[in-house]
Amino acid sequence: MRETKRAPVLRLENVSKVLDGKTIIEDVSWTVRRGVHWVLLGANGAGKTTLMNIITGYLWPTEGEVYVLGKKFGTIDLRELRKDIGYVSSILLENVPARDLALEVVLSGKFASLGLYDAPSEEDEGRAKYLLDMMGCSNIADKEFGKLSQGEQQKVLISRALMPDPDLLILDEPAIGLDPAARERFLDKIEEIGSMNSGPVLLYITHHLEEIIPIFSRVLILKDGKVLEKGRKEKVLKDGVMAEAFGIDMEVVRKNNRFFAVRV
């Protein structure tokens, strides 16, 4: 259900997270407004997944306030809020029942479950088939999830995430493990989703500059759990910033509205 339309999709105010005595996220403030798609970029260990777990309510911040879809954490039922958030991650990929059919996996997104335990309506089945077709996967609807290629599995999981018509779609390193051709075909579909009228706001987590496709206009860079830079990608994706973020001298090359890193 879409509510508080004027509120930002996401607002973090001075969010920090300490785990086992170590500060993983430190003083992060971030506002994501409707109609603006963001990339969360950073090296391995920068705190990207921890921050996403806070945003989805699977981790609680040690300090700071979190607002998602206009709702303040601590005042709402997070199980209900998650129904308005689509989430795709490698952890989710590993936990989908391998013998479930692709169509069943998509349908499970309606109920925010892993495995289909509720009876879907005809309307639900129609939407699930539509989403698979949109992702170019209508031919695998009756195949077991565990027998699909990794690229097919990721497209099925995105279809699942779109099943409840979410306001926010979080993609946590969704192209990991894909070969270059499969990755480009996958990114084409992300571009299509981001271009949909009244579609969800996209948050895309990665450590690869080349995955920042044209639909993403903003980038937040994390380093050691802190915000290094954030804003329009043309201003953020600079040689010096990338060198500091990843700990190696590099040149950022722009071609066809895509960005690539070259070591210097």
C-alpha atoms as a PDB file:
ATOM      1  CA  MET A   1       0.000   0.000   0.000  1.00  0.00           C
ATOM      2  CA  ARG A   2       1.421   3.371  -1.012  1.00  0.00           C
ATOM      3  CA  GLU A   3       1.176   6.017   1.668  1.00  0.00           C
ATOM      4  CA  THR A   4       2.715   9.375   2.654  1.00  0.00           C
ATOM      5  CA  LYS A   5       3.486  10.141  -0.957  1.00  0.00           C
ATOM      6  CA  ARG A   6       5.166  13.456  -0.199  1.00  0.00           C
ATOM      7  CA  ALA A   7       7.620  11.942   2.251  1.00  0.00           C
ATOM      8  CA  PRO A   8      11.033  10.778   1.026  1.00  0.00           C
ATOM      9  CA  VAL A   9      11.320   7.083   0.257  1.00  0.00           C
ATOM     10  CA  LEU A  10      14.249   6.910   2.673  1.00  0.00           C
ATOM     11  CA  ARG A  11      15.646   9.212   5.333  1.00  0.00           C
ATOM     12  CA  LEU A  12      18.529   8.321   7.616  1.00  0.00           C
ATOM     13  CA  GLU A  13      19.520  10.744  10.345  1.00  0.00           C
ATOM     14  CA  ASN A  14      22.952  10.283  11.929  1.00  0.00           C
ATOM     15  CA  VAL A  15      22.720   6.496  11.826  1.00  0.00           C
ATOM     16  CA  SER A  16      25.476   4.436  13.440  1.00  0.00           C
ATOM     17  CA  LYS A  17      25.817   0.714  14.113  1.00  0.00           C
ATOM     18  CA  VAL A  18      28.203  -0.969  16.537  1.00  0.00           C
ATOM     19  CA  LEU A  19      28.654  -4.754  16.394  1.00  0.00           C
ATOM     20  CA  ASP A  20      30.845  -6.628  18.900  1.00  0.00           C
ATOM     21  CA  GLY A  21      32.425  -3.360  19.984  1.00  0.00           C
ATOM     22  CA  LYS A  22      33.328  -2.335  16.427  1.00  0.00           C
ATOM     23  CA  THR A  23      31.715   0.612  14.638  1.00  0.00           C
ATOM     24  CA  ILE A  24      30.432  -0.714  11.292  1.00  0.00           C
ATOM     25  CA  ILE A  25      28.314   2.294  10.278  1.00  0.00           C
ATOM     26  CA  GLU A  26      29.151   5.775  11.550  1.00  0.00           C
ATOM     27  CA  ASP A  27      26.981   8.886  11.439  1.00  0.00           C
ATOM     28  CA  VAL A  28      25.300   8.228   8.078  1.00  0.00           C
ATOM     29  CA  SER A  29      22.667  10.731   6.938  1.00  0.00           C
ATOM     30  CA  TRP A  30      20.954  10.133   3.605  1.00  0.00           C
ATOM     31  CA  THR A  31      17.719  11.198   1.929  1.00  0.00           C
ATOM     32  CA  VAL A  32      16.283   9.400  -1.097  1.00  0.00           C
ATOM     33  CA  ARG A  33      13.374  11.148  -2.782  1.00  0.00           C
ATOM     34  CA  ARG A  34      10.723   9.632  -5.005  1.00  0.00           C
ATOM     35  CA  GLY A  35      11.613   9.356  -8.660  1.00  0.00           C
ATOM     36  CA  VAL A  36      15.375   9.408  -8.011  1.00  0.00           C
ATOM     37  CA  HIS A  37      17.371   6.170  -8.300  1.00  0.00           C
ATOM     38  CA  TRP A  38      20.574   5.725  -6.276  1.00  0.00           C
ATOM     39  CA  VAL A  39      23.646   3.511  -6.260  1.00  0.00           C
ATOM     40  CA  LEU A  40      25.381   2.653  -2.979  1.00  0.00           C
ATOM     41  CA  LEU A  41      29.025   2.142  -3.929  1.00  0.00           C
ATOM     42  CA  GLY A  42      32.001   1.013  -1.898  1.00  0.00           C
ATOM     43  CA  ALA A  43      34.745  -1.555  -1.518  1.00  0.00           C
ATOM     44  CA  ASN A  44      34.153  -4.912   0.128  1.00  0.00           C
ATOM     45  CA  GLY A  45      33.780  -4.352   3.860  1.00  0.00           C
ATOM     46  CA  ALA A  46      32.728  -0.708   3.501  1.00  0.00           C
ATOM     47  CA  GLY A  47      29.442  -1.396   5.307  1.00  0.00           C
ATOM     48  CA  LYS A  48      27.050  -1.468   2.339  1.00  0.00           C
ATOM     49  CA  THR A  49      25.155  -4.630   3.263  1.00  0.00           C
ATOM     50  CA  THR A  50      24.992  -3.642   6.936  1.00  0.00           C
ATOM     51  CA  LEU A  51      23.426  -0.342   5.939  1.00  0.00           C
ATOM     52  CA  MET A  52      20.876  -2.135   3.754  1.00  0.00           C
ATOM     53  CA  ASN A  53      20.030  -4.475   6.634  1.00  0.00           C
ATOM     54  CA  ILE A  54      19.307  -1.422   8.761  1.00  0.00           C
ATOM     55  CA  ILE A  55      17.106   0.080   6.047  1.00  0.00           C
ATOM     56  CA  THR A  56      15.107  -3.151   5.743  1.00  0.00           C
ATOM     57  CA  GLY A  57      14.786  -3.506   9.507  1.00  0.00           C
ATOM     58  CA  TYR A  58      16.852  -6.666   9.940  1.00  0.00           C
ATOM     59  CA  LEU A  59      19.404  -4.741  12.008  1.00  0.00           C
ATOM     60  CA  TRP A  60      18.622  -1.972  14.469  1.00  0.00           C
ATOM     61  CA  PRO A  61      20.837   1.140  14.525  1.00  0.00           C
ATOM     62  CA  THR A  62      22.842   1.785  17.658  1.00  0.00           C
ATOM     63  CA  GLU A  63      22.234   5.487  17.167  1.00  0.00           C
ATOM     64  CA  GLY A  64      20.176   7.641  14.840  1.00  0.00           C
ATOM     65  CA  GLU A  65      16.742   7.504  13.250  1.00  0.00           C
ATOM     66  CA  VAL A  66      15.454   5.611  10.221  1.00  0.00           C
ATOM     67  CA  TYR A  67      12.427   6.572   8.135  1.00  0.00           C
ATOM     68  CA  VAL A  68      11.344   4.369   5.233  1.00  0.00           C
ATOM     69  CA  LEU A  69       8.343   5.301   3.072  1.00  0.00           C
ATOM     70  CA  GLY A  70       7.541   8.023   5.578  1.00  0.00           C
ATOM     71  CA  LYS A  71       7.396   5.586   8.511  1.00  0.00           C
ATOM     72  CA  LYS A  72       9.700   5.943  11.502  1.00  0.00           C
ATOM     73  CA  PHE A  73      11.301   2.753  12.723  1.00  0.00           C
ATOM     74  CA  GLY A  74      10.199   1.981  16.242  1.00  0.00           C
ATOM     75  CA  THR A  75       6.639   3.166  15.642  1.00  0.00           C
ATOM     76  CA  ILE A  76       5.492   0.625  13.025  1.00  0.00           C
ATOM     77  CA  ASP A  77       5.222  -3.108  12.335  1.00  0.00           C
ATOM     78  CA  LEU A  78       8.296  -3.806  10.199  1.00  0.00           C
ATOM     79  CA  ARG A  79       6.757  -7.040   8.877  1.00  0.00           C
ATOM     80  CA  GLU A  80       4.036  -4.972   7.233  1.00  0.00           C
ATOM     81  CA  LEU A  81       6.454  -2.323   5.972  1.00  0.00           C
ATOM     82  CA  ARG A  82       8.619  -4.973   4.278  1.00  0.00           C
ATOM     83  CA  LYS A  83       5.679  -5.831   2.027  1.00  0.00           C
ATOM     84  CA  ASP A  84       6.223  -2.429   0.395  1.00  0.00           C
ATOM     85  CA  ILE A  85       9.963  -3.040  -0.030  1.00  0.00           C
ATOM     86  CA  GLY A  86      11.332  -5.343  -2.712  1.00  0.00           C
ATOM     87  CA  TYR A  87      14.703  -6.884  -1.795  1.00  0.00           C
ATOM     88  CA  VAL A  88      17.089  -8.997  -3.855  1.00  0.00           C
ATOM     89  CA  SER A  89      20.375 -10.258  -2.406  1.00  0.00           C
ATOM     90  CA  SER A  90      22.798 -13.175  -2.579  1.00  0.00           C
ATOM     91  CA  ILE A  91      21.544 -14.350   0.826  1.00  0.00           C
ATOM     92  CA  LEU A  92      18.008 -14.521  -0.540  1.00  0.00           C
ATOM     93  CA  LEU A  93      19.276 -16.429  -3.570  1.00  0.00           C
ATOM     94  CA  GLU A  94      20.854 -19.065  -1.332  1.00  0.00           C
ATOM     95  CA  ASN A  95      17.683 -19.567   0.718  1.00  0.00           C
ATOM     96  CA  VAL A  96      15.032 -20.007  -1.973  1.00  0.00           C
ATOM     97  CA  PRO A  97      13.795 -23.641  -1.987  1.00  0.00           C
ATOM     98  CA  ALA A  98      15.568 -25.220  -4.948  1.00  0.00           C
ATOM     99  CA  ARG A  99      12.616 -27.397  -5.938  1.00  0.00           C
ATOM    100  CA  ASP A 100      10.080 -24.554  -6.031  1.00  0.00           C
ATOM    101  CA  LEU A 101       8.961 -23.678  -9.534  1.00  0.00           C
ATOM    102  CA  ALA A 102       9.964 -20.245 -10.833  1.00  0.00           C
ATOM    103  CA  LEU A 103       6.311 -19.165 -10.860  1.00  0.00           C
ATOM    104  CA  GLU A 104       5.912 -20.250  -7.223  1.00  0.00           C
ATOM    105  CA  VAL A 105       8.994 -18.257  -6.243  1.00  0.00           C
ATOM    106  CA  VAL A 106       7.525 -15.141  -7.835  1.00  0.00           C
ATOM    107  CA  LEU A 107       4.153 -15.727  -6.147  1.00  0.00           C
ATOM    108  CA  SER A 108       5.822 -16.050  -2.741  1.00  0.00           C
ATOM    109  CA  GLY A 109       6.774 -12.387  -3.034  1.00  0.00           C
ATOM    110  CA  LYS A 110       3.117 -11.456  -2.531  1.00  0.00           C
ATOM    111  CA  PHE A 111       3.310 -12.924   0.975  1.00  0.00           C
ATOM    112  CA  ALA A 112       6.926 -11.958   1.803  1.00  0.00           C
ATOM    113  CA  SER A 113       7.778 -15.616   2.404  1.00  0.00           C
ATOM    114  CA  LEU A 114      10.447 -18.034   1.213  1.00  0.00           C
ATOM    115  CA  GLY A 115       8.332 -20.876  -0.104  1.00  0.00           C
ATOM    116  CA  LEU A 116       4.688 -20.619  -1.130  1.00  0.00           C
ATOM    117  CA  TYR A 117       2.464 -21.412   1.852  1.00  0.00           C
ATOM    118  CA  ASP A 118      -0.588 -19.291   1.006  1.00  0.00           C
ATOM    119  CA  ALA A 119      -3.101 -19.836  -1.765  1.00  0.00           C
ATOM    120  CA  PRO A 120      -2.605 -17.201  -4.498  1.00  0.00           C
ATOM    121  CA  SER A 121      -5.580 -15.781  -6.373  1.00  0.00           C
ATOM    122  CA  GLU A 122      -6.031 -15.897 -10.138  1.00  0.00           C
ATOM    123  CA  GLU A 123      -5.103 -12.221 -10.170  1.00  0.00           C
ATOM    124  CA  ASP A 124      -1.884 -13.033  -8.305  1.00  0.00           C
ATOM    125  CA  GLU A 125      -0.979 -15.739 -10.818  1.00  0.00           C
ATOM    126  CA  GLY A 126      -1.694 -13.359 -13.683  1.00  0.00           C
ATOM    127  CA  ARG A 127       0.619 -10.715 -12.221  1.00  0.00           C
ATOM    128  CA  ALA A 128       3.368 -13.269 -11.568  1.00  0.00           C
ATOM    129  CA  LYS A 129       3.226 -14.465 -15.184  1.00  0.00           C
ATOM    130  CA  TYR A 130       3.239 -10.856 -16.399  1.00  0.00           C
ATOM    131  CA  LEU A 131       6.365 -10.081 -14.346  1.00  0.00           C
ATOM    132  CA  LEU A 132       8.194 -13.156 -15.598  1.00  0.00           C
ATOM    133  CA  ASP A 133       7.303 -12.169 -19.147  1.00  0.00           C
ATOM    134  CA  MET A 134       8.521  -8.609 -18.514  1.00  0.00           C
ATOM    135  CA  MET A 135      11.850 -10.020 -17.354  1.00  0.00           C
ATOM    136  CA  GLY A 136      12.059 -12.267 -20.427  1.00  0.00           C
ATOM    137  CA  CYS A 137      11.498 -15.418 -18.385  1.00  0.00           C
ATOM    138  CA  SER A 138       8.023 -16.634 -19.348  1.00  0.00           C
ATOM    139  CA  ASN A 139       9.550 -19.822 -20.771  1.00  0.00           C
ATOM    140  CA  ILE A 140      10.923 -20.907 -17.369  1.00  0.00           C
ATOM    141  CA  ALA A 141       7.781 -20.439 -15.257  1.00  0.00           C
ATOM    142  CA  ASP A 142       7.390 -24.206 -14.748  1.00  0.00           C
ATOM    143  CA  LYS A 143      11.062 -24.990 -14.168  1.00  0.00           C
ATOM    144  CA  GLU A 144      12.569 -25.675 -10.750  1.00  0.00           C
ATOM    145  CA  PHE A 145      14.444 -22.700  -9.343  1.00  0.00           C
ATOM    146  CA  GLY A 146      17.529 -24.763  -8.542  1.00  0.00           C
ATOM    147  CA  LYS A 147      17.884 -25.833 -12.181  1.00  0.00           C
ATOM    148  CA  LEU A 148      17.933 -22.309 -13.589  1.00  0.00           C
ATOM    149  CA  SER A 149      21.052 -20.411 -14.591  1.00  0.00           C
ATOM    150  CA  GLN A 150      22.229 -17.752 -12.153  1.00  0.00           C
ATOM    151  CA  GLY A 151      21.065 -15.018 -14.495  1.00  0.00           C
ATOM    152  CA  GLU A 152      17.620 -16.597 -14.711  1.00  0.00           C
ATOM    153  CA  GLN A 153      17.477 -16.966 -10.940  1.00  0.00           C
ATOM    154  CA  GLN A 154      18.244 -13.280 -10.446  1.00  0.00           C
ATOM    155  CA  LYS A 155      15.503 -12.279 -12.887  1.00  0.00           C
ATOM    156  CA  VAL A 156      13.046 -14.547 -11.076  1.00  0.00           C
ATOM    157  CA  LEU A 157      14.001 -12.938  -7.762  1.00  0.00           C
ATOM    158  CA  ILE A 158      13.464  -9.463  -9.182  1.00  0.00           C
ATOM    159  CA  SER A 159      10.049 -10.591 -10.445  1.00  0.00           C
ATOM    160  CA  ARG A 160       9.375 -11.857  -6.916  1.00  0.00           C
ATOM    161  CA  ALA A 161      10.451  -8.524  -5.439  1.00  0.00           C
ATOM    162  CA  LEU A 162       8.100  -6.661  -7.792  1.00  0.00           C
ATOM    163  CA  MET A 163       5.139  -8.933  -7.019  1.00  0.00           C
ATOM    164  CA  PRO A 164       3.612  -6.718  -4.253  1.00  0.00           C
ATOM    165  CA  ASP A 165       4.133  -3.548  -6.348  1.00  0.00           C
ATOM    166  CA  PRO A 166       6.693  -2.084  -3.933  1.00  0.00           C
ATOM    167  CA  ASP A 167       7.569   1.586  -3.528  1.00  0.00           C
ATOM    168  CA  LEU A 168      11.235   0.715  -2.994  1.00  0.00           C
ATOM    169  CA  LEU A 169      13.350  -1.967  -4.689  1.00  0.00           C
ATOM    170  CA  ILE A 170      16.732  -2.764  -3.114  1.00  0.00           C
ATOM    171  CA  LEU A 171      19.202  -4.727  -5.228  1.00  0.00           C
ATOM    172  CA  ASP A 172      22.194  -5.878  -3.168  1.00  0.00           C
ATOM    173  CA  GLU A 173      24.985  -6.820  -5.616  1.00  0.00           C
ATOM    174  CA  PRO A 174      22.498  -8.624  -7.880  1.00  0.00           C
ATOM    175  CA  ALA A 175      24.927  -9.082 -10.787  1.00  0.00           C
ATOM    176  CA  ILE A 176      27.566 -10.905  -8.762  1.00  0.00           C
ATOM    177  CA  GLY A 177      28.693 -14.093 -10.485  1.00  0.00           C
ATOM    178  CA  LEU A 178      27.237 -13.201 -13.880  1.00  0.00           C
ATOM    179  CA  ASP A 179      29.491 -13.289 -16.935  1.00  0.00           C
ATOM    180  CA  PRO A 180      29.797 -10.001 -18.888  1.00  0.00           C
ATOM    181  CA  ALA A 181      27.118 -10.865 -21.458  1.00  0.00           C
ATOM    182  CA  ALA A 182      24.628 -12.070 -18.837  1.00  0.00           C
ATOM    183  CA  ARG A 183      25.380  -9.033 -16.692  1.00  0.00           C
ATOM    184  CA  GLU A 184      24.659  -6.599 -19.541  1.00  0.00           C
ATOM    185  CA  ARG A 185      21.371  -8.330 -20.359  1.00  0.00           C
ATOM    186  CA  PHE A 186      20.485  -8.198 -16.669  1.00  0.00           C
ATOM    187  CA  LEU A 187      21.342  -4.494 -16.430  1.00  0.00           C
ATOM    188  CA  ASP A 188      19.164  -3.807 -19.469  1.00  0.00           C
ATOM    189  CA  LYS A 189      16.224  -5.143 -17.458  1.00  0.00           C
ATOM    190  CA  ILE A 190      17.129  -2.960 -14.476  1.00  0.00           C
ATOM    191  CA  GLU A 191      17.145   0.047 -16.802  1.00  0.00           C
ATOM    192  CA  GLU A 192      13.656  -0.908 -17.988  1.00  0.00           C
ATOM    193  CA  ILE A 193      12.341  -1.231 -14.433  1.00  0.00           C
ATOM    194  CA  GLY A 194      13.813   2.121 -13.464  1.00  0.00           C
ATOM    195  CA  SER A 195      12.147   3.750 -16.465  1.00  0.00           C
ATOM    196  CA  MET A 196       8.644   2.471 -15.663  1.00  0.00           C
ATOM    197  CA  ASN A 197       5.971   5.037 -14.917  1.00  0.00           C
ATOM    198  CA  SER A 198       5.000   4.830 -11.232  1.00  0.00           C
ATOM    199  CA  GLY A 199       7.636   2.119 -10.756  1.00  0.00           C
ATOM    200  CA  PRO A 200       9.655   1.681  -7.555  1.00  0.00           C
ATOM    201  CA  VAL A 201      12.626   3.761  -6.503  1.00  0.00           C
ATOM    202  CA  LEU A 202      15.779   1.704  -7.035  1.00  0.00           C
ATOM    203  CA  LEU A 203      18.673   1.355  -4.585  1.00  0.00           C
ATOM    204  CA  TYR A 204      21.478  -0.618  -6.213  1.00  0.00           C
ATOM    205  CA  ILE A 205      24.421  -1.823  -4.121  1.00  0.00           C
ATOM    206  CA  THR A 206      27.687  -2.645  -5.853  1.00  0.00           C
ATOM    207  CA  HIS A 207      31.456  -2.206  -5.871  1.00  0.00           C
ATOM    208  CA  HIS A 208      31.627  -2.088  -9.682  1.00  0.00           C
ATOM    209  CA  LEU A 209      31.483   1.305 -11.408  1.00  0.00           C
ATOM    210  CA  GLU A 210      30.498  -0.288 -14.718  1.00  0.00           C
ATOM    211  CA  GLU A 211      27.181  -1.387 -13.200  1.00  0.00           C
ATOM    212  CA  ILE A 212      26.098   2.236 -12.738  1.00  0.00           C
ATOM    213  CA  ILE A 213      23.754   2.371 -15.725  1.00  0.00           C
ATOM    214  CA  PRO A 214      22.151   5.615 -16.991  1.00  0.00           C
ATOM    215  CA  ILE A 215      18.942   5.255 -14.947  1.00  0.00           C
ATOM    216  CA  PHE A 216      20.942   5.914 -11.760  1.00  0.00           C
ATOM    217  CA  SER A 217      21.520   9.632 -11.311  1.00  0.00           C
ATOM    218  CA  ARG A 218      22.843   9.654  -7.739  1.00  0.00           C
ATOM    219  CA  VAL A 219      25.630   7.806  -5.934  1.00  0.00           C
ATOM    220  CA  LEU A 220      26.534   7.473  -2.265  1.00  0.00           C
ATOM    221  CA  ILE A 221      30.031   6.167  -1.564  1.00  0.00           C
ATOM    222  CA  LEU A 222      30.773   4.404   1.706  1.00  0.00           C
ATOM    223  CA  LYS A 223      34.265   3.966   3.109  1.00  0.00           C
ATOM    224  CA  ASP A 224      34.850   2.289   6.458  1.00  0.00           C
ATOM    225  CA  GLY A 225      31.185   2.775   7.331  1.00  0.00           C
ATOM    226  CA  LYS A 226      31.215   6.536   6.704  1.00  0.00           C
ATOM    227  CA  VAL A 227      29.842   8.595   3.826  1.00  0.00           C
ATOM    228  CA  LEU A 228      32.813   9.562   1.668  1.00  0.00           C
ATOM    229  CA  GLU A 229      30.773  11.381  -0.986  1.00  0.00           C
ATOM    230  CA  LYS A 230      27.165  11.532  -2.157  1.00  0.00           C
ATOM    231  CA  GLY A 231      25.240  13.349  -4.857  1.00  0.00           C
ATOM    232  CA  ARG A 232      25.022  13.462  -8.643  1.00  0.00           C
ATOM    233  CA  LYS A 233      27.147  10.717 -10.153  1.00  0.00           C
ATOM    234  CA  GLU A 234      28.997  13.122 -12.478  1.00  0.00           C
ATOM    235  CA  LYS A 235      30.311  15.003  -9.438  1.00  0.00           C
ATOM    236  CA  VAL A 236      30.949  11.984  -7.240  1.00  0.00           C
ATOM    237  CA  LEU A 237      32.641   9.539  -9.623  1.00  0.00           C
ATOM    238  CA  LYS A 238      35.996  11.320  -9.826  1.00  0.00           C
ATOM    239  CA  ASP A 239      39.516   9.885  -9.941  1.00  0.00           C
ATOM    240  CA  GLY A 240      40.548  11.087  -6.493  1.00  0.00           C
ATOM    241  CA  VAL A 241      37.325   9.995  -4.806  1.00  0.00           C
ATOM    242  CA  MET A 242      37.543   6.521  -6.345  1.00  0.00           C
ATOM    243  CA  ALA A 243      41.182   6.207  -5.335  1.00  0.00           C
ATOM    244  CA  GLU A 244      40.284   7.019  -1.740  1.00  0.00           C
ATOM    245  CA  ALA A 245      37.252   4.733  -1.748  1.00  0.00           C
ATOM    246  CA  PHE A 246      39.087   1.687  -3.100  1.00  0.00           C
ATOM    247  CA  GLY A 247      42.647   2.347  -1.913  1.00  0.00           C
ATOM    248  CA  ILE A 248      44.298   2.338  -5.332  1.00  0.00           C
ATOM    249  CA  ASP A 249      45.085   5.008  -7.915  1.00  0.00           C
ATOM    250  CA  MET A 250      42.611   4.838 -10.758  1.00  0.00           C
ATOM    251  CA  GLU A 251      41.233   6.871 -13.617  1.00  0.00           C
ATOM    252  CA  VAL A 252      37.490   7.066 -14.125  1.00  0.00           C
ATOM    253  CA  VAL A 253      36.556   6.829 -17.787  1.00  0.00           C
ATOM    254  CA  ARG A 254      33.116   7.812 -19.033  1.00  0.00           C
ATOM    255  CA  LYS A 255      31.718   6.316 -22.230  1.00  0.00           C
ATOM    256  CA  ASN A 256      28.106   6.136 -23.482  1.00  0.00           C
ATOM    257  CA  ASN A 257      26.889   7.464 -20.123  1.00  0.00           C
ATOM    258  CA  ARG A 258      28.603   4.586 -18.314  1.00  0.00           C
ATOM    259  CA  PHE A 259      31.587   4.751 -15.981  1.00  0.00           C
ATOM    260  CA  PHE A 260      34.660   2.504 -15.894  1.00  0.00           C
ATOM    261  CA  ALA A 261      37.704   2.388 -13.621  1.00  0.00           C
ATOM    262  CA  VAL A 262      41.216   1.970 -15.042  1.00  0.00           C
ATOM    263  CA  ARG A 263      44.258   1.506 -12.817  1.00  0.00           C
ATOM    264  CA  VAL A 264      47.002   4.083 -13.275  1.00  0.00           C
END
